[in-house]
Amino acid sequence: MFIFILIGYLNDIWVYPLNHSTWIWIGGSKTVRHMGVYGEKGEMSGDYLPASRMNTLAAYDNSSRTVWLFGDYWYVLNKNKNYE
């Protein structure tokens, strides 16, 4: 029996250009359950990060033929005969 153990939610941003056929990590924190870093409304900064999310969102950009992915969760797969 396989057991999936949830480690935590992520705030990763990935892009998949169809002509490259590989996922590229764009950004996000390097920790799980990130609380987010926000500024004032309308203020922009490369230091701001959205909080980790439980669900993944995806969008397809037809003009650049890319798939964008935000959020995810990190888990480990444990095969342990004690669970059978």
N, C-alpha and C. Protein backbone atom coordinates (compact mmCIF):
# COMPACT_ATOMS: atom_id res chain seq x y z
N MET A 1 0.84 -1.18 0.00
CA MET A 1 0.00 0.00 0.00
C MET A 1 0.89 1.24 0.00
N PHE A 2 0.50 2.24 -0.76
CA PHE A 2 1.23 3.49 -0.80
C PHE A 2 0.50 4.52 0.05
N ILE A 3 1.24 5.26 0.83
CA ILE A 3 0.68 6.30 1.69
C ILE A 3 1.29 7.63 1.27
N PHE A 4 0.45 8.62 0.97
CA PHE A 4 0.92 9.96 0.65
C PHE A 4 0.87 10.79 1.92
N ILE A 5 1.97 11.40 2.30
CA ILE A 5 2.04 12.21 3.50
C ILE A 5 2.19 13.67 3.08
N LEU A 6 1.20 14.49 3.38
CA LEU A 6 1.22 15.90 3.03
C LEU A 6 2.21 16.63 3.92
N ILE A 7 3.14 17.34 3.29
CA ILE A 7 4.13 18.12 4.03
C ILE A 7 3.64 19.55 4.21
N GLY A 8 3.07 20.14 3.16
CA GLY A 8 2.56 21.50 3.28
C GLY A 8 2.23 22.09 1.93
N TYR A 9 1.58 23.24 1.96
CA TYR A 9 1.15 23.93 0.75
C TYR A 9 2.25 24.88 0.28
N LEU A 10 2.28 25.13 -1.03
CA LEU A 10 3.31 25.96 -1.64
C LEU A 10 2.70 27.15 -2.37
N ASN A 11 3.54 28.09 -2.73
CA ASN A 11 3.11 29.25 -3.52
C ASN A 11 3.97 29.37 -4.78
N ASP A 12 4.30 28.25 -5.36
CA ASP A 12 5.15 28.22 -6.55
C ASP A 12 4.43 28.77 -7.78
N ILE A 13 5.23 29.34 -8.67
CA ILE A 13 4.74 29.76 -9.98
C ILE A 13 5.62 29.07 -11.02
N TRP A 14 4.97 28.32 -11.91
CA TRP A 14 5.66 27.56 -12.95
C TRP A 14 5.10 27.94 -14.31
N VAL A 15 5.93 27.79 -15.34
CA VAL A 15 5.48 28.02 -16.71
C VAL A 15 5.93 26.83 -17.56
N TYR A 16 5.08 26.45 -18.50
CA TYR A 16 5.37 25.34 -19.40
C TYR A 16 5.20 25.83 -20.84
N PRO A 17 6.30 26.27 -21.48
CA PRO A 17 6.20 26.66 -22.89
C PRO A 17 6.05 25.40 -23.75
N LEU A 18 5.01 25.34 -24.55
CA LEU A 18 4.75 24.13 -25.33
C LEU A 18 5.87 23.79 -26.29
N ASN A 19 6.59 24.80 -26.77
CA ASN A 19 7.67 24.51 -27.71
C ASN A 19 8.95 24.02 -27.03
N HIS A 20 9.03 24.11 -25.70
CA HIS A 20 10.20 23.61 -24.96
C HIS A 20 9.93 22.27 -24.28
N SER A 21 8.69 21.98 -24.03
CA SER A 21 8.28 20.72 -23.39
C SER A 21 8.97 20.46 -22.06
N THR A 22 9.13 21.50 -21.26
CA THR A 22 9.70 21.33 -19.92
C THR A 22 9.13 22.41 -19.00
N TRP A 23 8.93 22.07 -17.72
CA TRP A 23 8.45 23.03 -16.74
C TRP A 23 9.61 23.91 -16.28
N ILE A 24 9.35 25.22 -16.12
CA ILE A 24 10.35 26.18 -15.65
C ILE A 24 9.80 26.83 -14.39
N TRP A 25 10.58 26.78 -13.31
CA TRP A 25 10.17 27.42 -12.05
C TRP A 25 10.42 28.91 -12.16
N ILE A 26 9.38 29.72 -11.97
CA ILE A 26 9.48 31.17 -12.07
C ILE A 26 9.76 31.80 -10.71
N GLY A 27 9.12 31.31 -9.67
CA GLY A 27 9.32 31.91 -8.36
C GLY A 27 8.45 31.27 -7.30
N GLY A 28 8.54 31.84 -6.12
CA GLY A 28 7.82 31.33 -4.95
C GLY A 28 8.78 31.20 -3.80
N SER A 29 8.24 30.98 -2.62
CA SER A 29 9.12 30.81 -1.47
C SER A 29 9.73 29.41 -1.48
N LYS A 30 10.76 29.22 -0.70
CA LYS A 30 11.42 27.91 -0.62
C LYS A 30 10.99 27.16 0.63
N THR A 31 9.88 27.59 1.21
CA THR A 31 9.36 26.92 2.40
C THR A 31 7.89 26.58 2.19
N VAL A 32 7.39 25.63 2.94
CA VAL A 32 5.97 25.29 2.88
C VAL A 32 5.20 26.20 3.83
N ARG A 33 3.90 26.31 3.57
CA ARG A 33 3.00 27.12 4.39
C ARG A 33 3.45 28.57 4.55
N HIS A 34 3.93 29.17 3.46
CA HIS A 34 4.39 30.55 3.50
C HIS A 34 3.20 31.48 3.73
N MET A 35 3.34 32.41 4.65
CA MET A 35 2.23 33.29 5.02
C MET A 35 2.02 34.45 4.05
N GLY A 36 2.96 34.68 3.16
CA GLY A 36 2.82 35.76 2.19
C GLY A 36 3.47 37.04 2.68
N VAL A 37 3.93 37.84 1.73
CA VAL A 37 4.51 39.16 2.02
C VAL A 37 3.76 40.14 1.13
N TYR A 38 3.08 41.10 1.76
CA TYR A 38 2.25 42.04 1.05
C TYR A 38 2.66 43.47 1.38
N GLY A 39 2.38 44.38 0.46
CA GLY A 39 2.64 45.80 0.68
C GLY A 39 1.33 46.58 0.65
N GLU A 40 1.47 47.84 0.41
CA GLU A 40 0.29 48.70 0.28
C GLU A 40 -0.41 48.43 -1.04
N LYS A 41 -1.71 48.61 -1.07
CA LYS A 41 -2.49 48.41 -2.28
C LYS A 41 -1.95 49.30 -3.41
N GLY A 42 -1.71 48.70 -4.56
CA GLY A 42 -1.20 49.42 -5.71
C GLY A 42 0.31 49.53 -5.75
N GLU A 43 0.97 49.15 -4.69
CA GLU A 43 2.43 49.22 -4.62
C GLU A 43 3.01 47.91 -5.15
N MET A 44 4.03 47.99 -6.01
CA MET A 44 4.62 46.79 -6.58
C MET A 44 6.05 46.62 -6.08
N SER A 45 6.44 45.37 -5.85
CA SER A 45 7.81 45.07 -5.44
C SER A 45 8.10 43.60 -5.72
N GLY A 46 9.32 43.32 -6.11
CA GLY A 46 9.75 41.94 -6.32
C GLY A 46 9.86 41.17 -5.02
N ASP A 47 9.78 41.87 -3.88
CA ASP A 47 9.87 41.20 -2.57
C ASP A 47 8.54 40.60 -2.13
N TYR A 48 7.43 41.00 -2.76
CA TYR A 48 6.11 40.52 -2.35
C TYR A 48 5.86 39.13 -2.90
N LEU A 49 5.27 38.30 -2.07
CA LEU A 49 4.91 36.93 -2.47
C LEU A 49 3.51 36.63 -1.95
N PRO A 50 2.69 35.97 -2.75
CA PRO A 50 1.39 35.55 -2.24
C PRO A 50 1.55 34.40 -1.24
N ALA A 51 0.56 34.22 -0.42
CA ALA A 51 0.60 33.12 0.56
C ALA A 51 0.46 31.78 -0.15
N SER A 52 0.88 30.73 0.53
CA SER A 52 0.72 29.38 0.00
C SER A 52 -0.76 29.06 -0.17
N ARG A 53 -1.06 28.20 -1.13
CA ARG A 53 -2.44 27.86 -1.44
C ARG A 53 -2.67 26.36 -1.36
N MET A 54 -3.89 25.99 -1.05
CA MET A 54 -4.27 24.59 -1.00
C MET A 54 -4.54 24.04 -2.38
N ASN A 55 -5.08 24.85 -3.25
CA ASN A 55 -5.44 24.39 -4.59
C ASN A 55 -4.51 25.00 -5.63
N THR A 56 -4.38 24.31 -6.73
CA THR A 56 -3.56 24.77 -7.84
C THR A 56 -4.44 25.46 -8.87
N LEU A 57 -3.95 26.56 -9.41
CA LEU A 57 -4.63 27.27 -10.48
C LEU A 57 -3.76 27.23 -11.72
N ALA A 58 -4.36 27.10 -12.88
CA ALA A 58 -3.62 27.07 -14.13
C ALA A 58 -4.30 27.96 -15.15
N ALA A 59 -3.50 28.50 -16.07
CA ALA A 59 -4.02 29.32 -17.16
C ALA A 59 -3.20 29.03 -18.41
N TYR A 60 -3.86 29.13 -19.56
CA TYR A 60 -3.17 28.93 -20.83
C TYR A 60 -3.15 30.25 -21.58
N ASP A 61 -1.96 30.67 -22.01
CA ASP A 61 -1.80 31.89 -22.80
C ASP A 61 -1.61 31.48 -24.26
N ASN A 62 -2.65 31.69 -25.05
CA ASN A 62 -2.64 31.26 -26.44
C ASN A 62 -1.62 32.01 -27.28
N SER A 63 -1.38 33.30 -26.98
CA SER A 63 -0.45 34.10 -27.78
C SER A 63 0.99 33.61 -27.64
N SER A 64 1.38 33.17 -26.45
CA SER A 64 2.75 32.68 -26.24
C SER A 64 2.82 31.16 -26.18
N ARG A 65 1.66 30.50 -26.25
CA ARG A 65 1.56 29.04 -26.18
C ARG A 65 2.25 28.50 -24.92
N THR A 66 1.88 29.07 -23.78
CA THR A 66 2.43 28.65 -22.49
C THR A 66 1.32 28.33 -21.51
N VAL A 67 1.61 27.41 -20.63
CA VAL A 67 0.72 27.08 -19.51
C VAL A 67 1.36 27.65 -18.25
N TRP A 68 0.58 28.38 -17.47
CA TRP A 68 1.04 28.95 -16.21
C TRP A 68 0.37 28.20 -15.07
N LEU A 69 1.13 27.91 -14.02
CA LEU A 69 0.64 27.15 -12.88
C LEU A 69 1.02 27.87 -11.60
N PHE A 70 0.04 28.05 -10.71
CA PHE A 70 0.30 28.69 -9.41
C PHE A 70 -0.20 27.81 -8.29
N GLY A 71 0.61 27.71 -7.23
CA GLY A 71 0.22 26.96 -6.05
C GLY A 71 0.43 25.48 -6.24
N ASP A 72 0.49 24.78 -5.16
CA ASP A 72 0.70 23.34 -5.21
C ASP A 72 0.80 22.84 -3.78
N TYR A 73 1.04 21.58 -3.64
CA TYR A 73 1.33 21.05 -2.33
C TYR A 73 2.46 20.04 -2.46
N TRP A 74 3.21 19.90 -1.40
CA TRP A 74 4.37 19.02 -1.40
C TRP A 74 4.03 17.82 -0.53
N TYR A 75 4.25 16.65 -1.06
CA TYR A 75 3.99 15.44 -0.31
C TYR A 75 5.09 14.43 -0.59
N VAL A 76 5.21 13.46 0.27
CA VAL A 76 6.14 12.36 0.04
C VAL A 76 5.34 11.08 -0.08
N LEU A 77 5.87 10.16 -0.84
CA LEU A 77 5.24 8.86 -1.03
C LEU A 77 5.97 7.87 -0.16
N ASN A 78 5.24 7.19 0.68
CA ASN A 78 5.83 6.25 1.61
C ASN A 78 5.24 4.87 1.36
N LYS A 79 6.10 3.92 1.02
CA LYS A 79 5.62 2.55 0.87
C LYS A 79 6.09 1.79 2.11
N ASN A 80 5.13 1.45 2.94
CA ASN A 80 5.44 0.82 4.20
C ASN A 80 4.56 -0.41 4.35
N LYS A 81 5.17 -1.57 4.47
CA LYS A 81 4.39 -2.81 4.56
C LYS A 81 3.56 -2.89 5.83
N ASN A 82 3.87 -2.06 6.84
CA ASN A 82 3.08 -2.07 8.07
C ASN A 82 1.65 -1.58 7.83
N TYR A 83 1.42 -0.84 6.75
CA TYR A 83 0.10 -0.31 6.45
C TYR A 83 -0.78 -1.32 5.73
N GLU A 84 -0.20 -2.41 5.25
CA GLU A 84 -0.97 -3.39 4.46
C GLU A 84 -1.78 -4.31 5.37
